[in-house]
């Protein structure tokens, strides 16, 4: 039996899987509020004590964590947790425990995703063995690459979400000035993430928000996008437009850096929740606006991952491959 986890800044998914060929089969999956627990071992203990959790030996475990993984430990970027693979192994008697960056874990799911688990934005023509790129906005912003190695795709992690944000328009130059004043610099996560919605909202509203959104509310990003999709507030509409435009541009940047002729995938929790805005042409116009290489990016498949458990599935795929 495999134990997999997708540890995010807001919520964490834990699951037990059977290590079936190609794609592990979930036995039981539970969602937790990350900050409700002081550390990962206490959360795992609560999960394994659940009445629905089957009794048996966990042979291998893998966890995707929202932060850089150095050796067998990781400090989460947006959560005051430090995760130690050895501590988890010792606490639960698991022979093999691996930590992965959360986007690296999600990337392991891409080769096993089913057609119904993605939304096609651009059909393109995938080059066999060509690089694949993954970008995902949620609580934070993550990016990963997949390279063709020995007849399979092998993901590699990055911290590109914290790279500098590249302004392209007068509107974004104004945004960068504000972000620099607030944070000392403007990085991609300041714009394309849940926190990015709040920053964009502040810049886009030249008059009070007609939707009356409290930016200190934990669900403020979701409230902003809902107000925008329902067109209840012009400032929220502009906020969402700026978000999707910047998301498409950064996805195009990643596609160029990776030369992702195998395709670019959009993961994370935000994109599936704002599909009308992601599919209205704004995202793809920004993605494609990369002269002189527009012909190359126009051939790249672009797909949104709809499977909300892709990060957990990817961690299970990785665990299944460890012998």
C-alpha atoms as a PDB file:
ATOM      1  CA  UNK A   1       0.000   0.000   0.000  1.00  0.00           C
ATOM      2  CA  UNK A   2       1.173   3.535  -0.835  1.00  0.00           C
ATOM      3  CA  UNK A   3       0.676   6.735   1.160  1.00  0.00           C
ATOM      4  CA  UNK A   4       0.648   9.954  -0.855  1.00  0.00           C
ATOM      5  CA  UNK A   5       0.187  13.585   0.106  1.00  0.00           C
ATOM      6  CA  UNK A   6      -0.287  16.948  -1.574  1.00  0.00           C
ATOM      7  CA  UNK A   7       0.632  19.540   1.060  1.00  0.00           C
ATOM      8  CA  UNK A   8      -0.521  23.018   0.134  1.00  0.00           C
ATOM      9  CA  UNK A   9      -0.597  26.414   1.737  1.00  0.00           C
ATOM     10  CA  UNK A  10      -4.327  26.173   2.417  1.00  0.00           C
ATOM     11  CA  UNK A  11      -5.331  22.515   2.280  1.00  0.00           C
ATOM     12  CA  UNK A  12      -3.612  19.146   2.273  1.00  0.00           C
ATOM     13  CA  UNK A  13      -4.791  15.945   0.591  1.00  0.00           C
ATOM     14  CA  UNK A  14      -3.689  12.571   1.962  1.00  0.00           C
ATOM     15  CA  UNK A  15      -4.493   9.291   0.296  1.00  0.00           C
ATOM     16  CA  UNK A  16      -3.819   5.567   0.441  1.00  0.00           C
ATOM     17  CA  UNK A  17      -3.330   3.861  -2.924  1.00  0.00           C
ATOM     18  CA  UNK A  18      -2.875   0.433  -4.437  1.00  0.00           C
ATOM     19  CA  UNK A  19       0.247   0.373  -6.611  1.00  0.00           C
ATOM     20  CA  UNK A  20      -1.422  -0.809  -9.815  1.00  0.00           C
ATOM     21  CA  UNK A  21       0.460  -0.649 -13.140  1.00  0.00           C
ATOM     22  CA  UNK A  22       0.628   2.788 -14.825  1.00  0.00           C
ATOM     23  CA  UNK A  23      -1.831   4.595 -12.517  1.00  0.00           C
ATOM     24  CA  UNK A  24      -2.192   3.857  -8.782  1.00  0.00           C
ATOM     25  CA  UNK A  25      -5.765   3.241  -7.603  1.00  0.00           C
ATOM     26  CA  UNK A  26      -7.008   5.394  -4.701  1.00  0.00           C
ATOM     27  CA  UNK A  27      -8.376   3.471  -1.724  1.00  0.00           C
ATOM     28  CA  UNK A  28      -9.281   6.407   0.508  1.00  0.00           C
ATOM     29  CA  UNK A  29      -8.565  10.136   0.207  1.00  0.00           C
ATOM     30  CA  UNK A  30      -9.155  12.873   2.771  1.00  0.00           C
ATOM     31  CA  UNK A  31      -8.778  16.644   2.728  1.00  0.00           C
ATOM     32  CA  UNK A  32      -7.355  18.585   5.683  1.00  0.00           C
ATOM     33  CA  UNK A  33      -6.930  22.270   6.490  1.00  0.00           C
ATOM     34  CA  UNK A  34      -3.156  22.486   6.652  1.00  0.00           C
ATOM     35  CA  UNK A  35      -2.931  24.939   9.538  1.00  0.00           C
ATOM     36  CA  UNK A  36      -5.272  22.859  11.689  1.00  0.00           C
ATOM     37  CA  UNK A  37      -2.243  20.646  12.457  1.00  0.00           C
ATOM     38  CA  UNK A  38       1.114  21.509  13.948  1.00  0.00           C
ATOM     39  CA  UNK A  39       3.038  19.265  11.566  1.00  0.00           C
ATOM     40  CA  UNK A  40       2.724  16.517   8.966  1.00  0.00           C
ATOM     41  CA  UNK A  41       3.130  13.512  11.335  1.00  0.00           C
ATOM     42  CA  UNK A  42       0.165  14.654  13.463  1.00  0.00           C
ATOM     43  CA  UNK A  43      -1.961  14.997  10.335  1.00  0.00           C
ATOM     44  CA  UNK A  44      -0.922  11.561   9.044  1.00  0.00           C
ATOM     45  CA  UNK A  45      -1.741  10.043  12.446  1.00  0.00           C
ATOM     46  CA  UNK A  46      -5.255  11.517  12.295  1.00  0.00           C
ATOM     47  CA  UNK A  47      -5.683  10.219   8.748  1.00  0.00           C
ATOM     48  CA  UNK A  48      -4.546   6.664   9.517  1.00  0.00           C
ATOM     49  CA  UNK A  49      -6.780   6.509  12.595  1.00  0.00           C
ATOM     50  CA  UNK A  50      -9.848   7.349  10.514  1.00  0.00           C
ATOM     51  CA  UNK A  51     -12.424   4.559  10.458  1.00  0.00           C
ATOM     52  CA  UNK A  52     -12.397   4.557   6.640  1.00  0.00           C
ATOM     53  CA  UNK A  53      -8.636   4.044   6.404  1.00  0.00           C
ATOM     54  CA  UNK A  54      -7.821   0.389   5.730  1.00  0.00           C
ATOM     55  CA  UNK A  55      -5.507  -1.425   8.092  1.00  0.00           C
ATOM     56  CA  UNK A  56      -2.313  -2.656   6.491  1.00  0.00           C
ATOM     57  CA  UNK A  57       1.343  -1.930   5.908  1.00  0.00           C
ATOM     58  CA  UNK A  58       2.342   1.265   4.156  1.00  0.00           C
ATOM     59  CA  UNK A  59       5.416   0.306   2.168  1.00  0.00           C
ATOM     60  CA  UNK A  60       6.227   3.616   0.465  1.00  0.00           C
ATOM     61  CA  UNK A  61       5.179   7.229   0.861  1.00  0.00           C
ATOM     62  CA  UNK A  62       5.652  10.380  -1.206  1.00  0.00           C
ATOM     63  CA  UNK A  63       4.575  13.918  -0.415  1.00  0.00           C
ATOM     64  CA  UNK A  64       4.413  16.959  -2.641  1.00  0.00           C
ATOM     65  CA  UNK A  65       5.155  20.064  -0.579  1.00  0.00           C
ATOM     66  CA  UNK A  66       4.633  23.722  -1.461  1.00  0.00           C
ATOM     67  CA  UNK A  67       8.239  24.823  -1.088  1.00  0.00           C
ATOM     68  CA  UNK A  68      11.802  23.953  -2.081  1.00  0.00           C
ATOM     69  CA  UNK A  69      12.947  20.452  -1.167  1.00  0.00           C
ATOM     70  CA  UNK A  70      16.574  20.234  -0.064  1.00  0.00           C
ATOM     71  CA  UNK A  71      17.765  16.706   0.594  1.00  0.00           C
ATOM     72  CA  UNK A  72      15.113  14.920   2.624  1.00  0.00           C
ATOM     73  CA  UNK A  73      13.568  18.012   4.207  1.00  0.00           C
ATOM     74  CA  UNK A  74      11.521  21.014   3.149  1.00  0.00           C
ATOM     75  CA  UNK A  75      10.306  24.272   4.634  1.00  0.00           C
ATOM     76  CA  UNK A  76       6.949  25.301   3.211  1.00  0.00           C
ATOM     77  CA  UNK A  77       6.831  28.750   1.646  1.00  0.00           C
ATOM     78  CA  UNK A  78       3.426  29.915   2.913  1.00  0.00           C
ATOM     79  CA  UNK A  79       3.003  27.652   5.968  1.00  0.00           C
ATOM     80  CA  UNK A  80       5.158  27.552   9.159  1.00  0.00           C
ATOM     81  CA  UNK A  81       5.974  23.869   8.682  1.00  0.00           C
ATOM     82  CA  UNK A  82       9.225  22.033   8.219  1.00  0.00           C
ATOM     83  CA  UNK A  83       8.751  18.528   6.834  1.00  0.00           C
ATOM     84  CA  UNK A  84      11.383  15.828   7.474  1.00  0.00           C
ATOM     85  CA  UNK A  85      11.175  12.602   5.479  1.00  0.00           C
ATOM     86  CA  UNK A  86      13.138  10.680   8.103  1.00  0.00           C
ATOM     87  CA  UNK A  87      10.811  11.800  10.891  1.00  0.00           C
ATOM     88  CA  UNK A  88       7.779  10.552   8.943  1.00  0.00           C
ATOM     89  CA  UNK A  89       9.501   7.249   8.169  1.00  0.00           C
ATOM     90  CA  UNK A  90      10.433   6.712  11.831  1.00  0.00           C
ATOM     91  CA  UNK A  91       7.014   7.709  13.167  1.00  0.00           C
ATOM     92  CA  UNK A  92       5.075   5.280  10.986  1.00  0.00           C
ATOM     93  CA  UNK A  93       7.603   2.557  10.164  1.00  0.00           C
ATOM     94  CA  UNK A  94       7.616   3.304   6.434  1.00  0.00           C
ATOM     95  CA  UNK A  95      10.643   1.985   4.553  1.00  0.00           C
ATOM     96  CA  UNK A  96      10.777   4.623   1.822  1.00  0.00           C
ATOM     97  CA  UNK A  97       9.587   8.222   2.270  1.00  0.00           C
ATOM     98  CA  UNK A  98      10.228  10.856  -0.397  1.00  0.00           C
ATOM     99  CA  UNK A  99       9.554  14.581  -0.529  1.00  0.00           C
ATOM    100  CA  UNK A 100       8.884  16.358  -3.799  1.00  0.00           C
ATOM    101  CA  UNK A 101       8.155  19.942  -4.668  1.00  0.00           C
ATOM    102  CA  UNK A 102       4.375  20.145  -5.104  1.00  0.00           C
ATOM    103  CA  UNK A 103       4.614  21.024  -8.816  1.00  0.00           C
ATOM    104  CA  UNK A 104       7.108  18.221  -9.379  1.00  0.00           C
ATOM    105  CA  UNK A 105       4.577  15.870  -7.777  1.00  0.00           C
ATOM    106  CA  UNK A 106       1.738  17.198  -9.938  1.00  0.00           C
ATOM    107  CA  UNK A 107       3.931  16.812 -13.010  1.00  0.00           C
ATOM    108  CA  UNK A 108       4.204  13.057 -12.383  1.00  0.00           C
ATOM    109  CA  UNK A 109       0.432  12.846 -12.972  1.00  0.00           C
ATOM    110  CA  UNK A 110       0.518  14.368 -16.458  1.00  0.00           C
ATOM    111  CA  UNK A 111       1.506  11.209 -18.395  1.00  0.00           C
ATOM    112  CA  UNK A 112      -1.371   9.255 -16.776  1.00  0.00           C
ATOM    113  CA  UNK A 113      -4.155  11.838 -17.024  1.00  0.00           C
ATOM    114  CA  UNK A 114      -7.244  10.797 -18.964  1.00  0.00           C
ATOM    115  CA  UNK A 115      -8.816  12.822 -21.760  1.00  0.00           C
ATOM    116  CA  UNK A 116     -11.777  13.787 -19.569  1.00  0.00           C
ATOM    117  CA  UNK A 117      -9.422  15.199 -16.936  1.00  0.00           C
ATOM    118  CA  UNK A 118      -8.200  18.086 -19.094  1.00  0.00           C
ATOM    119  CA  UNK A 119      -9.733  21.076 -20.880  1.00  0.00           C
ATOM    120  CA  UNK A 120      -8.067  21.808 -24.226  1.00  0.00           C
ATOM    121  CA  UNK A 121      -7.252  25.463 -24.883  1.00  0.00           C
ATOM    122  CA  UNK A 122      -5.105  24.773 -27.938  1.00  0.00           C
ATOM    123  CA  UNK A 123      -5.020  21.393 -29.640  1.00  0.00           C
ATOM    124  CA  UNK A 124      -1.583  21.870 -31.157  1.00  0.00           C
ATOM    125  CA  UNK A 125       0.619  19.008 -32.279  1.00  0.00           C
ATOM    126  CA  UNK A 126       2.686  17.365 -29.543  1.00  0.00           C
ATOM    127  CA  UNK A 127       6.216  16.400 -30.569  1.00  0.00           C
ATOM    128  CA  UNK A 128       7.013  12.893 -29.359  1.00  0.00           C
ATOM    129  CA  UNK A 129       9.622  13.172 -26.621  1.00  0.00           C
ATOM    130  CA  UNK A 130       9.327  16.966 -26.596  1.00  0.00           C
ATOM    131  CA  UNK A 131       9.554  18.793 -23.301  1.00  0.00           C
ATOM    132  CA  UNK A 132       6.351  19.389 -21.340  1.00  0.00           C
ATOM    133  CA  UNK A 133       5.812  22.375 -19.035  1.00  0.00           C
ATOM    134  CA  UNK A 134       3.467  22.781 -16.078  1.00  0.00           C
ATOM    135  CA  UNK A 135       2.312  26.032 -14.518  1.00  0.00           C
ATOM    136  CA  UNK A 136      -0.126  26.172 -11.599  1.00  0.00           C
ATOM    137  CA  UNK A 137      -1.665  29.043  -9.667  1.00  0.00           C
ATOM    138  CA  UNK A 138      -3.346  28.347  -6.343  1.00  0.00           C
ATOM    139  CA  UNK A 139      -2.450  29.765  -2.947  1.00  0.00           C
ATOM    140  CA  UNK A 140       0.955  30.354  -4.560  1.00  0.00           C
ATOM    141  CA  UNK A 141       2.439  29.960  -8.027  1.00  0.00           C
ATOM    142  CA  UNK A 142       4.466  26.938  -9.145  1.00  0.00           C
ATOM    143  CA  UNK A 143       6.155  25.746 -12.306  1.00  0.00           C
ATOM    144  CA  UNK A 144       7.822  22.498 -13.359  1.00  0.00           C
ATOM    145  CA  UNK A 145       9.303  20.846 -16.437  1.00  0.00           C
ATOM    146  CA  UNK A 146       9.119  17.294 -17.756  1.00  0.00           C
ATOM    147  CA  UNK A 147      11.993  15.920 -19.833  1.00  0.00           C
ATOM    148  CA  UNK A 148      11.991  12.730 -21.920  1.00  0.00           C
ATOM    149  CA  UNK A 149      14.574  10.436 -20.294  1.00  0.00           C
ATOM    150  CA  UNK A 150      14.991   6.738 -21.116  1.00  0.00           C
ATOM    151  CA  UNK A 151      11.564   6.460 -22.743  1.00  0.00           C
ATOM    152  CA  UNK A 152       9.569   8.208 -20.023  1.00  0.00           C
ATOM    153  CA  UNK A 153       8.869  11.728 -18.823  1.00  0.00           C
ATOM    154  CA  UNK A 154      10.819  12.735 -15.713  1.00  0.00           C
ATOM    155  CA  UNK A 155       9.763  15.964 -13.941  1.00  0.00           C
ATOM    156  CA  UNK A 156      12.120  18.543 -12.513  1.00  0.00           C
ATOM    157  CA  UNK A 157      11.160  21.125  -9.918  1.00  0.00           C
ATOM    158  CA  UNK A 158      11.670  24.868  -9.960  1.00  0.00           C
ATOM    159  CA  UNK A 159      10.942  27.929  -7.858  1.00  0.00           C
ATOM    160  CA  UNK A 160      10.117  30.032 -10.914  1.00  0.00           C
ATOM    161  CA  UNK A 161       6.967  31.368  -9.260  1.00  0.00           C
ATOM    162  CA  UNK A 162       9.264  33.647  -7.272  1.00  0.00           C
ATOM    163  CA  UNK A 163      11.098  34.950 -10.333  1.00  0.00           C
ATOM    164  CA  UNK A 164      10.625  38.590 -11.290  1.00  0.00           C
ATOM    165  CA  UNK A 165       7.302  39.556 -12.832  1.00  0.00           C
ATOM    166  CA  UNK A 166       7.698  40.969 -16.343  1.00  0.00           C
ATOM    167  CA  UNK A 167       5.386  43.918 -17.068  1.00  0.00           C
ATOM    168  CA  UNK A 168       4.220  44.199 -20.696  1.00  0.00           C
ATOM    169  CA  UNK A 169       1.704  47.048 -20.667  1.00  0.00           C
ATOM    170  CA  UNK A 170       1.199  50.455 -19.063  1.00  0.00           C
ATOM    171  CA  UNK A 171      -1.389  48.828 -16.794  1.00  0.00           C
ATOM    172  CA  UNK A 172       1.159  46.260 -15.612  1.00  0.00           C
ATOM    173  CA  UNK A 173       3.874  48.908 -15.198  1.00  0.00           C
ATOM    174  CA  UNK A 174       1.534  50.682 -12.776  1.00  0.00           C
ATOM    175  CA  UNK A 175       1.003  47.341 -11.028  1.00  0.00           C
ATOM    176  CA  UNK A 176       4.763  46.746 -10.709  1.00  0.00           C
ATOM    177  CA  UNK A 177       5.242  50.167  -9.155  1.00  0.00           C
ATOM    178  CA  UNK A 178       2.653  49.294  -6.510  1.00  0.00           C
ATOM    179  CA  UNK A 179       4.071  45.827  -5.862  1.00  0.00           C
ATOM    180  CA  UNK A 180       7.596  47.226  -5.504  1.00  0.00           C
ATOM    181  CA  UNK A 181       6.351  49.765  -2.970  1.00  0.00           C
ATOM    182  CA  UNK A 182       4.524  47.059  -1.002  1.00  0.00           C
ATOM    183  CA  UNK A 183       7.028  44.187  -1.161  1.00  0.00           C
ATOM    184  CA  UNK A 184      10.367  45.626  -2.290  1.00  0.00           C
ATOM    185  CA  UNK A 185      10.127  43.730  -5.607  1.00  0.00           C
ATOM    186  CA  UNK A 186       7.493  42.272  -7.909  1.00  0.00           C
ATOM    187  CA  UNK A 187       7.535  38.522  -8.430  1.00  0.00           C
ATOM    188  CA  UNK A 188       5.201  36.319 -10.454  1.00  0.00           C
ATOM    189  CA  UNK A 189       3.418  34.992  -7.357  1.00  0.00           C
ATOM    190  CA  UNK A 190       2.503  38.547  -6.370  1.00  0.00           C
ATOM    191  CA  UNK A 191       0.303  38.604  -9.489  1.00  0.00           C
ATOM    192  CA  UNK A 192      -0.667  35.080 -10.577  1.00  0.00           C
ATOM    193  CA  UNK A 193      -1.893  33.403  -7.386  1.00  0.00           C
ATOM    194  CA  UNK A 194      -4.631  33.686  -4.797  1.00  0.00           C
ATOM    195  CA  UNK A 195      -2.653  36.467  -3.123  1.00  0.00           C
ATOM    196  CA  UNK A 196      -2.228  38.000  -6.565  1.00  0.00           C
ATOM    197  CA  UNK A 197      -5.983  38.495  -6.809  1.00  0.00           C
ATOM    198  CA  UNK A 198      -5.817  40.722  -3.730  1.00  0.00           C
ATOM    199  CA  UNK A 199      -2.941  42.790  -5.134  1.00  0.00           C
ATOM    200  CA  UNK A 200      -4.668  43.165  -8.490  1.00  0.00           C
ATOM    201  CA  UNK A 201      -7.929  44.120  -6.759  1.00  0.00           C
ATOM    202  CA  UNK A 202      -6.208  46.992  -4.954  1.00  0.00           C
ATOM    203  CA  UNK A 203      -4.723  48.318  -8.182  1.00  0.00           C
ATOM    204  CA  UNK A 204      -7.797  47.840 -10.374  1.00  0.00           C
ATOM    205  CA  UNK A 205     -10.290  49.585  -8.073  1.00  0.00           C
ATOM    206  CA  UNK A 206     -10.245  53.328  -8.590  1.00  0.00           C
ATOM    207  CA  UNK A 207     -13.533  53.522  -6.687  1.00  0.00           C
ATOM    208  CA  UNK A 208     -14.971  51.348  -3.878  1.00  0.00           C
ATOM    209  CA  UNK A 209     -15.669  47.741  -4.784  1.00  0.00           C
ATOM    210  CA  UNK A 210     -19.320  47.444  -5.755  1.00  0.00           C
ATOM    211  CA  UNK A 211     -19.337  43.835  -4.567  1.00  0.00           C
ATOM    212  CA  UNK A 212     -18.279  44.974  -1.081  1.00  0.00           C
ATOM    213  CA  UNK A 213     -15.492  42.394  -0.830  1.00  0.00           C
ATOM    214  CA  UNK A 214     -13.415  42.314   2.349  1.00  0.00           C
ATOM    215  CA  UNK A 215      -9.853  41.603   1.216  1.00  0.00           C
ATOM    216  CA  UNK A 216      -9.038  40.216   4.669  1.00  0.00           C
ATOM    217  CA  UNK A 217     -11.619  37.440   4.277  1.00  0.00           C
ATOM    218  CA  UNK A 218     -10.014  34.018   3.696  1.00  0.00           C
ATOM    219  CA  UNK A 219     -12.171  33.450   0.611  1.00  0.00           C
ATOM    220  CA  UNK A 220     -11.591  36.915  -0.867  1.00  0.00           C
ATOM    221  CA  UNK A 221      -9.941  35.636  -4.101  1.00  0.00           C
ATOM    222  CA  UNK A 222     -12.937  33.384  -4.808  1.00  0.00           C
ATOM    223  CA  UNK A 223     -15.340  36.236  -4.049  1.00  0.00           C
ATOM    224  CA  UNK A 224     -13.464  38.534  -6.444  1.00  0.00           C
ATOM    225  CA  UNK A 225     -13.561  36.029  -9.299  1.00  0.00           C
ATOM    226  CA  UNK A 226     -17.252  35.304  -8.666  1.00  0.00           C
ATOM    227  CA  UNK A 227     -18.107  39.020  -8.720  1.00  0.00           C
ATOM    228  CA  UNK A 228     -16.138  39.368 -11.944  1.00  0.00           C
ATOM    229  CA  UNK A 229     -17.758  36.396 -13.687  1.00  0.00           C
ATOM    230  CA  UNK A 230     -21.178  37.703 -12.662  1.00  0.00           C
ATOM    231  CA  UNK A 231     -20.119  41.233 -13.744  1.00  0.00           C
ATOM    232  CA  UNK A 232     -21.276  42.747 -10.455  1.00  0.00           C
ATOM    233  CA  UNK A 233     -18.289  45.098 -10.127  1.00  0.00           C
ATOM    234  CA  UNK A 234     -16.235  46.757 -12.923  1.00  0.00           C
ATOM    235  CA  UNK A 235     -13.122  46.750 -10.741  1.00  0.00           C
ATOM    236  CA  UNK A 236     -13.459  43.012 -10.114  1.00  0.00           C
ATOM    237  CA  UNK A 237     -13.972  42.441 -13.853  1.00  0.00           C
ATOM    238  CA  UNK A 238     -10.711  44.286 -14.526  1.00  0.00           C
ATOM    239  CA  UNK A 239      -8.997  42.337 -11.737  1.00  0.00           C
ATOM    240  CA  UNK A 240      -9.910  39.008 -13.314  1.00  0.00           C
ATOM    241  CA  UNK A 241      -8.960  40.218 -16.787  1.00  0.00           C
ATOM    242  CA  UNK A 242      -5.534  41.327 -15.526  1.00  0.00           C
ATOM    243  CA  UNK A 243      -5.081  38.003 -13.757  1.00  0.00           C
ATOM    244  CA  UNK A 244      -5.915  35.843 -16.788  1.00  0.00           C
ATOM    245  CA  UNK A 245      -3.849  38.052 -19.118  1.00  0.00           C
ATOM    246  CA  UNK A 246      -0.793  37.830 -16.839  1.00  0.00           C
ATOM    247  CA  UNK A 247      -1.356  34.063 -16.379  1.00  0.00           C
ATOM    248  CA  UNK A 248      -1.339  33.512 -20.138  1.00  0.00           C
ATOM    249  CA  UNK A 249       1.771  35.645 -20.606  1.00  0.00           C
ATOM    250  CA  UNK A 250       3.685  33.802 -17.879  1.00  0.00           C
ATOM    251  CA  UNK A 251       2.560  30.457 -19.318  1.00  0.00           C
ATOM    252  CA  UNK A 252       3.978  31.602 -22.652  1.00  0.00           C
ATOM    253  CA  UNK A 253       7.225  32.618 -20.943  1.00  0.00           C
ATOM    254  CA  UNK A 254       7.492  29.150 -19.432  1.00  0.00           C
ATOM    255  CA  UNK A 255       6.730  27.527 -22.788  1.00  0.00           C
ATOM    256  CA  UNK A 256       9.620  29.457 -24.315  1.00  0.00           C
ATOM    257  CA  UNK A 257      12.035  28.679 -21.487  1.00  0.00           C
ATOM    258  CA  UNK A 258      11.148  24.985 -21.606  1.00  0.00           C
ATOM    259  CA  UNK A 259      10.689  24.782 -25.385  1.00  0.00           C
ATOM    260  CA  UNK A 260       7.604  22.765 -24.449  1.00  0.00           C
ATOM    261  CA  UNK A 261       6.896  21.174 -27.810  1.00  0.00           C
ATOM    262  CA  UNK A 262       5.263  18.294 -25.934  1.00  0.00           C
ATOM    263  CA  UNK A 263       2.672  20.651 -24.493  1.00  0.00           C
ATOM    264  CA  UNK A 264       1.974  23.080 -21.682  1.00  0.00           C
ATOM    265  CA  UNK A 265      -0.399  22.154 -18.859  1.00  0.00           C
ATOM    266  CA  UNK A 266      -2.159  24.554 -16.500  1.00  0.00           C
ATOM    267  CA  UNK A 267      -2.717  23.078 -13.051  1.00  0.00           C
ATOM    268  CA  UNK A 268      -3.661  24.430  -9.649  1.00  0.00           C
ATOM    269  CA  UNK A 269      -6.973  25.173  -8.014  1.00  0.00           C
ATOM    270  CA  UNK A 270      -7.794  28.506  -9.665  1.00  0.00           C
ATOM    271  CA  UNK A 271      -8.019  27.745 -13.396  1.00  0.00           C
ATOM    272  CA  UNK A 272     -10.869  25.175 -13.204  1.00  0.00           C
ATOM    273  CA  UNK A 273     -12.904  27.605 -11.077  1.00  0.00           C
ATOM    274  CA  UNK A 274     -12.655  30.430 -13.631  1.00  0.00           C
ATOM    275  CA  UNK A 275     -13.023  28.389 -16.823  1.00  0.00           C
ATOM    276  CA  UNK A 276     -15.238  30.989 -18.567  1.00  0.00           C
ATOM    277  CA  UNK A 277     -12.438  33.555 -18.175  1.00  0.00           C
ATOM    278  CA  UNK A 278      -9.715  31.053 -19.087  1.00  0.00           C
ATOM    279  CA  UNK A 279     -11.494  30.044 -22.304  1.00  0.00           C
ATOM    280  CA  UNK A 280     -12.652  33.458 -23.600  1.00  0.00           C
ATOM    281  CA  UNK A 281      -9.442  34.056 -25.567  1.00  0.00           C
ATOM    282  CA  UNK A 282      -7.586  36.354 -23.142  1.00  0.00           C
ATOM    283  CA  UNK A 283      -5.272  33.645 -21.816  1.00  0.00           C
ATOM    284  CA  UNK A 284      -4.349  32.285 -25.240  1.00  0.00           C
ATOM    285  CA  UNK A 285      -3.801  35.730 -26.793  1.00  0.00           C
ATOM    286  CA  UNK A 286      -1.249  36.511 -24.098  1.00  0.00           C
ATOM    287  CA  UNK A 287       0.282  33.018 -24.409  1.00  0.00           C
ATOM    288  CA  UNK A 288       0.745  33.373 -28.169  1.00  0.00           C
ATOM    289  CA  UNK A 289       2.081  36.946 -28.202  1.00  0.00           C
ATOM    290  CA  UNK A 290       5.727  35.895 -28.325  1.00  0.00           C
ATOM    291  CA  UNK A 291       7.246  37.246 -31.552  1.00  0.00           C
ATOM    292  CA  UNK A 292       9.377  36.125 -33.287  1.00  0.00           C
ATOM    293  CA  UNK A 293       8.510  32.640 -31.957  1.00  0.00           C
ATOM    294  CA  UNK A 294       4.729  32.809 -32.351  1.00  0.00           C
ATOM    295  CA  UNK A 295       4.735  29.991 -34.964  1.00  0.00           C
ATOM    296  CA  UNK A 296       6.436  27.660 -32.453  1.00  0.00           C
ATOM    297  CA  UNK A 297       4.109  28.384 -29.516  1.00  0.00           C
ATOM    298  CA  UNK A 298       1.078  28.164 -31.831  1.00  0.00           C
ATOM    299  CA  UNK A 299       1.873  24.457 -32.335  1.00  0.00           C
ATOM    300  CA  UNK A 300       2.154  23.620 -28.633  1.00  0.00           C
ATOM    301  CA  UNK A 301      -0.790  21.794 -27.042  1.00  0.00           C
ATOM    302  CA  UNK A 302      -2.196  23.823 -24.128  1.00  0.00           C
ATOM    303  CA  UNK A 303      -4.470  22.111 -21.607  1.00  0.00           C
ATOM    304  CA  UNK A 304      -6.011  22.883 -18.210  1.00  0.00           C
ATOM    305  CA  UNK A 305      -5.899  20.053 -15.661  1.00  0.00           C
ATOM    306  CA  UNK A 306      -9.414  19.504 -14.299  1.00  0.00           C
ATOM    307  CA  UNK A 307      -8.543  16.687 -11.879  1.00  0.00           C
ATOM    308  CA  UNK A 308      -8.503  18.388  -8.472  1.00  0.00           C
ATOM    309  CA  UNK A 309      -6.372  15.527  -7.087  1.00  0.00           C
ATOM    310  CA  UNK A 310      -3.639  15.722  -9.748  1.00  0.00           C
ATOM    311  CA  UNK A 311      -0.947  16.620  -7.205  1.00  0.00           C
ATOM    312  CA  UNK A 312      -1.934  13.717  -4.968  1.00  0.00           C
ATOM    313  CA  UNK A 313      -2.108  11.341  -7.930  1.00  0.00           C
ATOM    314  CA  UNK A 314       1.338  12.443  -9.082  1.00  0.00           C
ATOM    315  CA  UNK A 315       2.816  11.817  -5.637  1.00  0.00           C
ATOM    316  CA  UNK A 316       1.300   8.315  -5.745  1.00  0.00           C
ATOM    317  CA  UNK A 317       2.707   7.718  -9.248  1.00  0.00           C
ATOM    318  CA  UNK A 318       6.152   8.655  -7.986  1.00  0.00           C
ATOM    319  CA  UNK A 319       5.825   6.421  -4.903  1.00  0.00           C
ATOM    320  CA  UNK A 320       4.740   3.498  -7.064  1.00  0.00           C
ATOM    321  CA  UNK A 321       7.903   3.800  -9.113  1.00  0.00           C
ATOM    322  CA  UNK A 322      10.243   3.604  -6.102  1.00  0.00           C
ATOM    323  CA  UNK A 323      11.589   0.117  -5.449  1.00  0.00           C
END
